[in-house]
N, C-alpha and C. Protein backbone atom coordinates (compact mmCIF):
# COMPACT_ATOMS: atom_id res chain seq x y z
N MET A 1 93.74 53.13 -27.85
CA MET A 1 94.74 54.00 -28.14
C MET A 1 95.43 53.20 -29.35
N LYS A 2 96.33 52.43 -28.98
CA LYS A 2 97.53 51.45 -29.66
C LYS A 2 96.54 51.28 -31.07
N ASP A 3 95.71 50.26 -31.05
CA ASP A 3 94.70 49.83 -31.90
C ASP A 3 94.14 50.33 -32.91
N GLN A 4 93.68 51.58 -32.28
CA GLN A 4 93.20 52.56 -33.29
C GLN A 4 94.48 53.07 -33.84
N MET A 5 95.63 53.87 -33.55
CA MET A 5 96.83 54.54 -34.33
C MET A 5 97.18 53.38 -34.85
N ASP A 6 96.85 51.70 -34.83
CA ASP A 6 98.02 51.01 -35.49
C ASP A 6 96.88 50.93 -37.20
N THR A 7 95.87 50.95 -36.66
CA THR A 7 94.79 50.79 -37.95
C THR A 7 95.02 51.99 -38.87
N LEU A 8 94.95 53.06 -38.18
CA LEU A 8 95.14 54.70 -38.64
C LEU A 8 96.62 54.20 -39.75
N LEU A 9 97.35 53.67 -38.92
CA LEU A 9 98.95 53.46 -39.81
C LEU A 9 98.69 52.64 -40.95
N GLU A 10 97.89 51.72 -40.74
CA GLU A 10 97.72 50.52 -42.10
C GLU A 10 96.92 51.47 -42.86
N ASN A 11 95.90 52.09 -42.23
CA ASN A 11 95.37 52.57 -43.92
C ASN A 11 96.07 53.76 -44.21
N PHE A 12 97.14 54.47 -43.77
CA PHE A 12 97.99 55.31 -44.37
C PHE A 12 98.46 55.14 -45.33
N GLU A 13 99.40 53.75 -44.91
CA GLU A 13 100.42 52.97 -45.74
C GLU A 13 99.27 52.35 -47.01
N ARG A 14 98.61 51.67 -46.77
CA ARG A 14 97.77 51.27 -47.65
C ARG A 14 97.43 52.09 -48.81
N GLN A 15 96.79 53.42 -48.42
CA GLN A 15 96.23 54.51 -49.04
C GLN A 15 97.68 55.46 -49.89
N THR A 16 98.77 55.22 -49.17
CA THR A 16 100.03 55.77 -49.84
C THR A 16 100.28 54.98 -50.86
N GLN A 17 99.89 53.87 -50.36
CA GLN A 17 100.58 52.82 -52.11
C GLN A 17 99.77 52.84 -53.26
N GLN A 18 97.86 52.86 -52.74
CA GLN A 18 97.23 53.26 -53.77
C GLN A 18 97.26 54.60 -54.92
N LEU A 19 98.28 55.73 -53.57
CA LEU A 19 98.15 56.70 -54.56
C LEU A 19 99.34 56.49 -55.56
N ARG A 20 100.80 56.12 -55.10
CA ARG A 20 101.46 55.63 -55.91
C ARG A 20 101.20 54.83 -57.08
N ASP A 21 100.56 53.66 -57.21
CA ASP A 21 99.88 53.14 -58.21
C ASP A 21 99.36 53.95 -59.12
N ALA A 22 98.06 55.00 -58.49
CA ALA A 22 97.57 55.69 -59.21
C ALA A 22 98.00 56.79 -60.17
N GLN A 23 99.09 57.24 -59.51
CA GLN A 23 100.06 58.18 -59.96
C GLN A 23 100.68 56.94 -61.03
N ALA A 24 101.30 56.18 -61.22
CA ALA A 24 101.50 55.51 -62.28
C ALA A 24 100.82 55.73 -63.77
N ALA A 25 99.69 54.92 -62.86
CA ALA A 25 99.00 54.86 -64.05
C ALA A 25 98.58 55.68 -64.52
N ALA A 26 98.03 56.68 -64.32
CA ALA A 26 97.99 58.22 -64.75
C ALA A 26 99.34 58.75 -65.73
N ALA A 27 100.16 58.27 -65.25
CA ALA A 27 101.13 58.57 -65.99
C ALA A 27 101.18 58.14 -67.54
N GLU A 28 100.29 56.97 -67.30
CA GLU A 28 100.62 56.28 -68.48
C GLU A 28 99.19 56.26 -69.34
N THR A 29 98.25 57.29 -68.79
CA THR A 29 97.38 57.46 -69.64
C THR A 29 97.23 57.88 -70.69
N SER A 30 96.62 57.77 -71.90
CA SER A 30 96.38 58.57 -73.05
C SER A 30 95.06 58.53 -73.78
N ALA A 31 94.60 58.82 -74.81
CA ALA A 31 93.58 58.47 -75.35
C ALA A 31 93.58 58.70 -76.86
N GLU A 32 93.09 57.91 -77.73
CA GLU A 32 93.22 57.88 -79.40
C GLU A 32 92.01 58.26 -79.81
N LEU A 33 91.90 59.38 -80.79
CA LEU A 33 90.37 59.44 -81.25
C LEU A 33 90.54 59.42 -83.00
N THR A 34 89.50 59.03 -83.56
CA THR A 34 89.37 59.32 -85.01
C THR A 34 88.28 60.12 -85.13
N SER A 35 88.00 60.92 -85.87
CA SER A 35 87.25 62.00 -86.41
C SER A 35 85.90 60.90 -87.21
N SER A 36 84.64 61.31 -87.01
CA SER A 36 83.49 60.54 -87.59
C SER A 36 83.60 59.93 -89.24
N ASP A 37 84.56 60.77 -89.60
CA ASP A 37 84.34 60.38 -91.19
C ASP A 37 85.73 59.77 -91.39
N GLY A 38 86.71 59.65 -90.49
CA GLY A 38 87.91 59.00 -90.83
C GLY A 38 88.73 59.60 -91.20
N LEU A 39 88.79 60.62 -91.28
CA LEU A 39 89.98 61.68 -92.13
C LEU A 39 91.09 62.04 -91.15
N VAL A 40 90.80 61.77 -89.72
CA VAL A 40 91.70 62.74 -88.78
C VAL A 40 92.07 61.61 -87.81
N ARG A 41 92.92 61.24 -87.17
CA ARG A 41 93.26 60.48 -86.04
C ARG A 41 94.02 61.16 -85.04
N VAL A 42 93.78 61.30 -83.92
CA VAL A 42 94.88 62.21 -83.41
C VAL A 42 95.02 61.18 -81.67
N GLY A 43 96.34 61.48 -81.08
CA GLY A 43 96.75 60.74 -80.18
C GLY A 43 97.14 61.79 -78.88
N ILE A 44 96.69 61.84 -77.69
CA ILE A 44 96.83 62.62 -76.33
C ILE A 44 97.70 61.98 -75.80
N ASP A 45 98.61 62.27 -74.68
CA ASP A 45 99.32 61.80 -73.68
C ASP A 45 98.80 62.40 -72.39
N ALA A 46 99.45 62.03 -71.36
CA ALA A 46 98.70 62.35 -69.99
C ALA A 46 98.70 63.43 -69.52
N GLY A 47 99.93 64.42 -70.27
CA GLY A 47 100.26 65.45 -70.24
C GLY A 47 99.35 66.47 -70.92
N ALA A 48 98.27 65.97 -71.76
CA ALA A 48 97.35 66.68 -72.49
C ALA A 48 97.82 67.29 -73.76
N ASN A 49 99.31 66.50 -73.98
CA ASN A 49 100.03 66.99 -75.28
C ASN A 49 99.62 65.92 -76.62
N LEU A 50 99.64 66.71 -77.65
CA LEU A 50 99.29 66.04 -78.95
C LEU A 50 100.48 65.39 -79.31
N THR A 51 100.26 63.79 -79.08
CA THR A 51 101.28 63.11 -79.69
C THR A 51 101.32 62.17 -80.81
N LYS A 52 99.95 62.54 -81.54
CA LYS A 52 99.78 61.96 -82.73
C LYS A 52 99.00 62.65 -83.72
N LEU A 53 99.22 62.88 -85.01
CA LEU A 53 98.43 63.34 -85.67
C LEU A 53 98.13 62.98 -87.38
N GLU A 54 97.32 62.21 -87.44
CA GLU A 54 97.53 61.22 -88.97
C GLU A 54 96.02 61.96 -89.67
N PHE A 55 96.38 62.03 -90.99
CA PHE A 55 95.59 62.23 -92.01
C PHE A 55 94.97 60.99 -92.89
N ALA A 56 94.03 60.95 -93.38
CA ALA A 56 93.78 60.07 -94.09
C ALA A 56 94.49 60.30 -95.46
N ALA A 57 94.68 59.33 -96.44
CA ALA A 57 95.25 59.47 -97.67
C ALA A 57 94.51 60.35 -98.56
N ASN A 58 93.39 60.64 -98.65
CA ASN A 58 92.55 61.24 -99.54
C ASN A 58 91.82 62.55 -98.50
N ALA A 59 92.21 63.27 -97.27
CA ALA A 59 91.62 63.52 -96.35
C ALA A 59 91.66 65.05 -97.30
N PHE A 60 92.65 65.29 -98.00
CA PHE A 60 92.24 66.75 -98.78
C PHE A 60 91.96 66.95 -100.13
N GLU A 61 91.43 65.95 -100.42
CA GLU A 61 90.25 65.69 -101.72
C GLU A 61 89.09 65.88 -101.25
N ARG A 62 89.05 65.25 -99.51
CA ARG A 62 87.28 64.90 -99.61
C ARG A 62 86.81 66.16 -98.52
N THR A 63 87.84 67.48 -97.97
CA THR A 63 87.58 68.53 -97.30
C THR A 63 87.98 69.50 -97.51
N THR A 64 87.81 70.58 -96.89
CA THR A 64 88.76 72.13 -97.17
C THR A 64 89.71 71.84 -96.06
N PRO A 65 90.78 72.88 -96.00
CA PRO A 65 91.65 73.06 -95.04
C PRO A 65 90.91 73.73 -93.38
N ALA A 66 89.92 74.43 -93.98
CA ALA A 66 89.18 75.02 -92.64
C ALA A 66 88.47 74.01 -92.07
N GLN A 67 87.93 73.37 -92.80
CA GLN A 67 86.85 71.89 -92.12
C GLN A 67 88.25 70.97 -91.49
N LEU A 68 89.34 70.66 -92.22
CA LEU A 68 90.16 69.77 -91.35
C LEU A 68 90.79 70.30 -90.10
N ALA A 69 91.33 71.35 -90.24
CA ALA A 69 91.76 72.61 -89.10
C ALA A 69 90.46 72.24 -87.91
N ASN A 70 89.35 72.82 -88.03
CA ASN A 70 88.05 72.39 -86.98
C ASN A 70 88.06 70.62 -86.91
N THR A 71 87.81 69.71 -87.15
CA THR A 71 88.31 68.87 -86.92
C THR A 71 89.51 68.28 -86.01
N VAL A 72 90.30 68.75 -86.62
CA VAL A 72 91.89 68.75 -85.45
C VAL A 72 91.59 69.13 -84.18
N GLN A 73 91.30 70.38 -84.31
CA GLN A 73 90.95 71.25 -83.20
C GLN A 73 89.65 70.36 -82.22
N THR A 74 88.60 69.83 -82.79
CA THR A 74 87.88 69.34 -82.05
C THR A 74 88.30 67.80 -81.41
N LEU A 75 89.07 67.12 -82.19
CA LEU A 75 89.55 66.06 -81.56
C LEU A 75 90.40 65.95 -80.67
N VAL A 76 91.64 66.99 -80.45
CA VAL A 76 92.47 67.33 -79.44
C VAL A 76 91.65 67.85 -78.17
N ARG A 77 90.63 68.69 -78.35
CA ARG A 77 89.89 68.83 -76.96
C ARG A 77 89.15 68.02 -76.55
N GLN A 78 88.53 66.86 -77.37
CA GLN A 78 87.94 66.01 -76.96
C GLN A 78 88.57 64.81 -76.23
N GLY A 79 90.12 64.34 -76.89
CA GLY A 79 91.01 63.70 -76.34
C GLY A 79 91.49 64.41 -75.05
N THR A 80 91.65 65.27 -74.72
CA THR A 80 92.46 65.85 -73.76
C THR A 80 91.44 65.91 -72.54
N LEU A 81 90.11 66.14 -72.54
CA LEU A 81 88.99 65.81 -71.87
C LEU A 81 88.95 64.25 -71.46
N GLN A 82 88.82 63.47 -72.24
CA GLN A 82 89.03 62.04 -72.06
C GLN A 82 90.38 61.70 -71.21
N VAL A 83 91.27 62.04 -70.98
CA VAL A 83 92.29 62.03 -70.53
C VAL A 83 91.83 62.63 -69.41
N LYS A 84 92.12 63.73 -69.10
CA LYS A 84 91.58 64.33 -67.79
C LYS A 84 90.48 63.43 -66.91
N GLN A 85 89.41 63.19 -67.56
CA GLN A 85 88.72 62.16 -66.92
C GLN A 85 89.14 60.76 -66.62
N LYS A 86 90.00 60.04 -67.17
CA LYS A 86 90.54 59.05 -66.93
C LYS A 86 91.41 59.30 -65.45
N ILE A 87 92.15 60.54 -65.44
CA ILE A 87 92.97 60.27 -64.58
C ILE A 87 92.20 61.05 -63.31
N ALA A 88 91.23 61.85 -63.52
CA ALA A 88 90.02 61.84 -62.05
C ALA A 88 89.74 60.73 -61.50
N ASP A 89 88.98 59.61 -62.54
CA ASP A 89 88.64 58.50 -62.09
C ASP A 89 89.61 57.32 -61.22
N LEU A 90 91.01 57.91 -61.53
CA LEU A 90 92.28 56.66 -61.25
C LEU A 90 92.37 57.40 -59.75
N MET A 91 92.03 58.53 -59.42
CA MET A 91 92.53 59.62 -58.19
C MET A 91 91.13 59.24 -57.31
N ALA A 92 89.81 59.55 -57.84
CA ALA A 92 88.33 59.52 -56.91
C ALA A 92 88.85 58.07 -55.62
N PRO A 93 89.35 57.20 -56.01
CA PRO A 93 88.96 56.34 -55.03
C PRO A 93 89.77 56.42 -54.12
N ILE A 94 90.83 56.94 -54.20
CA ILE A 94 91.83 57.70 -53.40
C ILE A 94 91.79 58.30 -51.98
N THR A 95 90.76 59.51 -52.79
CA THR A 95 90.07 60.78 -51.70
C THR A 95 88.73 59.73 -51.53
N GLU A 96 88.28 59.26 -51.63
CA GLU A 96 86.86 58.58 -50.78
C GLU A 96 87.60 57.82 -49.74
N GLY A 97 86.28 57.95 -48.80
CA GLY A 97 86.81 57.24 -47.21
C GLY A 97 88.13 58.20 -46.65
N LEU A 98 88.35 59.00 -46.87
CA LEU A 98 89.40 59.68 -45.97
C LEU A 98 88.94 59.87 -44.77
N PRO A 99 89.46 59.75 -43.87
CA PRO A 99 88.80 60.22 -42.14
C PRO A 99 89.00 62.02 -42.03
N ASP A 100 88.28 62.75 -41.44
CA ASP A 100 88.48 64.00 -41.51
C ASP A 100 89.32 64.23 -40.17
N LEU A 101 90.21 65.52 -40.36
CA LEU A 101 91.06 65.89 -38.82
C LEU A 101 90.36 65.73 -37.88
N SER A 102 88.70 65.89 -37.58
CA SER A 102 87.97 66.08 -36.70
C SER A 102 87.61 64.63 -36.12
N GLU A 103 87.81 63.78 -36.94
CA GLU A 103 87.46 62.28 -36.65
C GLU A 103 88.86 61.79 -35.57
N LEU A 104 89.84 62.19 -36.17
CA LEU A 104 91.28 61.57 -35.86
C LEU A 104 91.34 62.42 -34.44
N VAL A 105 91.48 63.84 -34.54
CA VAL A 105 91.64 64.36 -33.11
C VAL A 105 90.63 65.04 -32.52
N GLU A 106 90.00 64.81 -31.43
CA GLU A 106 89.26 65.35 -30.97
C GLU A 106 89.25 67.01 -30.49
N GLY A 107 88.49 67.74 -30.84
CA GLY A 107 88.49 69.17 -30.80
C GLY A 107 89.19 69.74 -32.03
N ALA A 108 90.12 68.95 -32.90
CA ALA A 108 90.21 69.73 -34.53
C ALA A 108 89.48 70.45 -35.36
N PRO A 109 89.69 70.90 -35.78
CA PRO A 109 88.44 71.41 -37.00
C PRO A 109 88.56 70.91 -37.94
N SER A 110 87.49 71.02 -38.81
CA SER A 110 87.22 69.74 -39.68
C SER A 110 87.58 70.33 -40.96
N LEU A 111 88.43 69.97 -41.81
CA LEU A 111 89.28 70.13 -43.24
C LEU A 111 88.46 69.64 -44.33
N ALA A 112 86.84 69.08 -44.14
CA ALA A 112 86.49 68.60 -45.53
C ALA A 112 86.12 69.54 -46.34
N GLY A 113 86.02 71.27 -45.63
CA GLY A 113 85.72 71.84 -46.81
C GLY A 113 86.99 72.63 -47.58
N LEU A 114 87.94 71.92 -47.24
CA LEU A 114 89.04 72.70 -47.81
C LEU A 114 89.65 71.94 -49.11
N VAL A 115 89.31 70.65 -48.98
CA VAL A 115 89.60 69.78 -50.59
C VAL A 115 88.44 69.77 -51.32
N PRO A 116 88.41 70.62 -52.44
CA PRO A 116 87.44 70.46 -53.55
C PRO A 116 87.44 69.21 -54.25
N PRO A 117 85.92 69.12 -54.63
CA PRO A 117 85.57 67.75 -55.20
C PRO A 117 86.51 67.73 -56.50
N ILE A 118 86.61 66.35 -57.26
CA ILE A 118 87.18 66.34 -58.06
C ILE A 118 86.05 66.55 -59.45
N PRO A 119 86.58 67.26 -60.25
CA PRO A 119 85.24 67.59 -61.09
C PRO A 119 85.34 66.62 -62.44
N GLU A 120 84.12 66.80 -63.09
CA GLU A 120 84.03 66.12 -64.23
C GLU A 120 84.34 66.58 -64.99
N PHE A 121 84.88 66.02 -66.29
CA PHE A 121 85.91 66.98 -67.03
C PHE A 121 84.41 66.31 -68.48
N THR A 122 83.66 67.16 -68.88
CA THR A 122 82.58 66.70 -70.12
C THR A 122 82.90 68.15 -70.86
N GLU A 123 82.44 67.64 -72.40
CA GLU A 123 82.71 67.92 -73.29
C GLU A 123 81.88 69.43 -73.45
N GLU A 124 82.40 70.57 -73.64
CA GLU A 124 82.16 72.08 -73.46
C GLU A 124 81.27 72.58 -74.78
N GLU A 125 81.19 73.53 -74.64
CA GLU A 125 80.43 74.47 -76.01
C GLU A 125 81.37 74.42 -76.97
N ALA A 126 81.40 73.74 -78.21
CA ALA A 126 82.32 73.94 -79.27
C ALA A 126 82.63 75.17 -79.84
N PRO A 127 83.56 75.84 -80.04
CA PRO A 127 83.45 77.09 -80.40
C PRO A 127 83.10 77.36 -81.97
N ALA A 128 82.32 78.12 -81.96
CA ALA A 128 81.96 78.75 -83.28
C ALA A 128 83.19 78.47 -84.55
N PRO A 129 82.11 77.86 -85.39
CA PRO A 129 83.09 77.34 -86.56
C PRO A 129 83.77 78.64 -87.19
N ARG A 130 84.73 78.42 -87.71
CA ARG A 130 85.89 79.19 -88.37
C ARG A 130 85.25 79.40 -90.06
N PRO A 131 85.77 80.59 -90.62
CA PRO A 131 85.42 80.79 -92.11
C PRO A 131 86.37 79.64 -93.07
N GLU A 132 85.96 79.82 -94.34
CA GLU A 132 86.27 78.59 -95.17
C GLU A 132 87.64 79.13 -95.76
N SER A 133 87.97 80.42 -95.70
CA SER A 133 89.42 81.02 -96.23
C SER A 133 89.67 81.94 -95.76
N PHE A 134 90.62 82.74 -95.94
CA PHE A 134 90.79 84.22 -95.37
C PHE A 134 90.41 84.96 -95.74
N GLU A 135 90.03 84.85 -97.08
CA GLU A 135 89.50 86.22 -97.78
C GLU A 135 87.88 86.47 -96.88
N GLU A 136 87.33 85.33 -96.79
CA GLU A 136 85.66 85.21 -96.11
C GLU A 136 86.34 85.71 -94.50
N GLY A 137 87.33 85.53 -93.80
CA GLY A 137 87.56 85.61 -92.34
C GLY A 137 88.18 86.93 -91.93
N GLY A 138 88.40 87.84 -92.92
CA GLY A 138 88.96 89.36 -92.81
C GLY A 138 90.83 88.86 -92.87
N SER A 139 91.43 89.64 -92.01
CA SER A 139 93.04 89.73 -92.21
C SER A 139 93.57 88.55 -91.43
N ILE A 140 94.62 87.90 -91.75
CA ILE A 140 95.49 87.03 -91.99
C ILE A 140 96.28 87.20 -90.28
N LEU A 141 96.86 88.70 -90.29
CA LEU A 141 97.52 89.01 -88.87
C LEU A 141 96.77 89.51 -87.79
N ARG A 142 95.10 89.74 -87.67
CA ARG A 142 94.64 90.21 -86.98
C ARG A 142 93.32 89.45 -87.01
N ASN A 143 93.07 89.61 -85.94
CA ASN A 143 91.89 88.36 -85.36
C ASN A 143 90.17 89.68 -85.87
N GLU A 144 90.24 90.21 -87.19
CA GLU A 144 89.15 91.12 -87.56
C GLU A 144 88.41 89.82 -88.49
N GLN A 145 86.89 90.82 -88.57
CA GLN A 145 85.77 89.99 -89.46
C GLN A 145 85.81 90.96 -90.83
N ALA A 146 86.05 92.14 -90.36
CA ALA A 146 85.64 93.68 -91.05
C ALA A 146 86.75 93.76 -91.56
N THR A 147 86.67 94.65 -92.59
CA THR A 147 87.55 95.45 -93.05
C THR A 147 87.75 96.69 -92.70
N PRO A 148 89.04 97.13 -92.08
CA PRO A 148 89.31 97.89 -91.17
C PRO A 148 89.31 99.47 -92.08
N PRO A 149 88.70 100.34 -91.41
CA PRO A 149 88.46 101.64 -92.68
C PRO A 149 89.81 102.12 -93.13
N PRO A 150 90.41 102.78 -93.93
CA PRO A 150 91.34 103.21 -94.77
C PRO A 150 92.49 104.29 -93.71
N MET A 151 93.67 104.09 -93.62
CA MET A 151 94.29 105.12 -92.78
C MET A 151 94.13 106.28 -93.80
N PRO A 152 94.64 107.34 -92.78
CA PRO A 152 94.61 108.62 -93.31
C PRO A 152 95.69 108.93 -94.08
N ALA A 153 96.01 109.44 -95.13
CA ALA A 153 97.27 109.85 -95.88
C ALA A 153 98.54 110.55 -95.12
N PRO A 154 99.56 109.98 -95.10
CA PRO A 154 100.49 111.06 -93.90
C PRO A 154 100.16 112.14 -94.33
N LYS A 155 101.01 113.04 -93.59
CA LYS A 155 100.84 114.31 -94.16
C LYS A 155 102.31 114.79 -94.39
N PRO A 156 102.52 115.56 -95.53
CA PRO A 156 103.81 115.65 -95.67
C PRO A 156 104.81 116.67 -95.03
N ALA A 157 106.05 116.29 -94.56
CA ALA A 157 107.08 116.79 -93.97
C ALA A 157 107.61 118.07 -94.56
N PRO A 158 107.08 119.07 -93.55
CA PRO A 158 107.66 120.33 -93.84
C PRO A 158 108.94 120.50 -94.62
N LYS A 159 109.50 121.13 -95.49
CA LYS A 159 110.74 121.45 -96.32
C LYS A 159 111.57 122.12 -95.43
N ARG A 160 113.09 121.59 -95.34
CA ARG A 160 113.77 122.29 -94.47
C ARG A 160 114.58 123.48 -95.65
N VAL A 161 114.40 124.19 -95.06
CA VAL A 161 115.08 125.63 -95.64
C VAL A 161 116.24 125.74 -95.08
N ARG A 162 117.38 125.85 -95.61
CA ARG A 162 118.97 126.63 -94.97
C ARG A 162 118.40 128.16 -94.46
N PRO A 163 119.03 128.81 -93.39
CA PRO A 163 119.06 130.20 -93.52
C PRO A 163 120.30 130.96 -94.37
N PRO A 164 119.91 131.76 -95.01
CA PRO A 164 121.18 132.49 -95.45
C PRO A 164 122.13 132.57 -94.90
N ARG A 165 123.21 132.74 -95.41
CA ARG A 165 124.55 132.98 -95.36
C ARG A 165 125.07 134.18 -95.40
N ASP A 166 125.64 135.04 -95.06
CA ASP A 166 126.29 136.10 -94.87
C ASP A 166 127.18 135.88 -95.91
N GLU A 167 127.86 136.82 -97.00
CA GLU A 167 128.44 136.67 -97.84
C GLU A 167 129.67 136.71 -97.55
N ASP A 168 130.29 137.57 -96.51
CA ASP A 168 131.62 137.51 -95.66
C ASP A 168 131.90 136.40 -95.46
N GLU A 169 130.45 135.54 -95.09
CA GLU A 169 131.43 133.70 -94.44
C GLU A 169 131.96 133.37 -95.49
N GLU A 170 132.89 132.02 -95.24
CA GLU A 170 133.41 131.55 -96.00
C GLU A 170 132.22 130.31 -95.96
N PRO A 171 131.97 129.28 -97.27
CA PRO A 171 131.59 128.58 -97.17
C PRO A 171 132.65 127.11 -96.71
N PRO A 172 131.47 126.25 -96.18
CA PRO A 172 131.84 124.54 -95.41
C PRO A 172 132.92 124.04 -96.19
N THR A 173 133.88 123.56 -95.90
CA THR A 173 134.98 122.83 -96.50
C THR A 173 134.50 121.17 -96.05
N SER A 174 133.84 120.65 -95.44
CA SER A 174 133.41 119.54 -95.18
C SER A 174 133.12 118.71 -96.63
N TRP A 175 133.84 117.71 -96.49
CA TRP A 175 133.61 116.74 -97.68
C TRP A 175 131.90 116.03 -97.52
N MET A 176 131.42 116.42 -96.35
CA MET A 176 130.10 115.71 -96.17
C MET A 176 128.76 117.15 -96.67
N THR A 177 129.17 118.30 -97.11
CA THR A 177 128.45 118.99 -97.47
C THR A 177 128.88 119.42 -98.94
N ARG A 178 127.57 120.06 -99.20
CA ARG A 178 127.88 120.36 -101.16
C ARG A 178 128.74 121.73 -101.07
N GLY A 179 128.48 122.49 -99.96
CA GLY A 179 129.39 123.87 -100.32
C GLY A 179 128.65 124.56 -100.62
N ASP A 180 127.44 124.85 -100.91
CA ASP A 180 126.31 125.68 -101.99
C ASP A 180 125.95 126.65 -100.63
């Protein structure tokens, strides 16, 4: 029993060190991508943050702003997925071969189903391309593709009518009224 506990303790210490090393490597993970046409370059850090965005000197001469925006979005999405996959690959060896609780303690429940597998981060279907210009794509303030129906004209406010004054009544003396 003592040998078994010593072995478990050694494995635990080794796996703890592996986890520290993997966490340090994951914190340094990044991705840098360049578009196929060479017009855009992006950098993504371990937190999936955009760290670099560069355009070729002639990018605005060779493409439209809408196409350039699409290229940037695609590269950022691909870079984020690359970083996530690199981190998943760093963590995968640590979780492999871990003994289950039922293997360590007789009669204990199995915890194998509680730990989800590390997912594969693959490119998902790209969103539909955006229109070339705001005129083609609807309102800049709303995500609309068609022109909304015109608003009905507002109804005029009813005219205020002063109640008639008695002739015996004195006119108001306030500077805020005209006295009529």
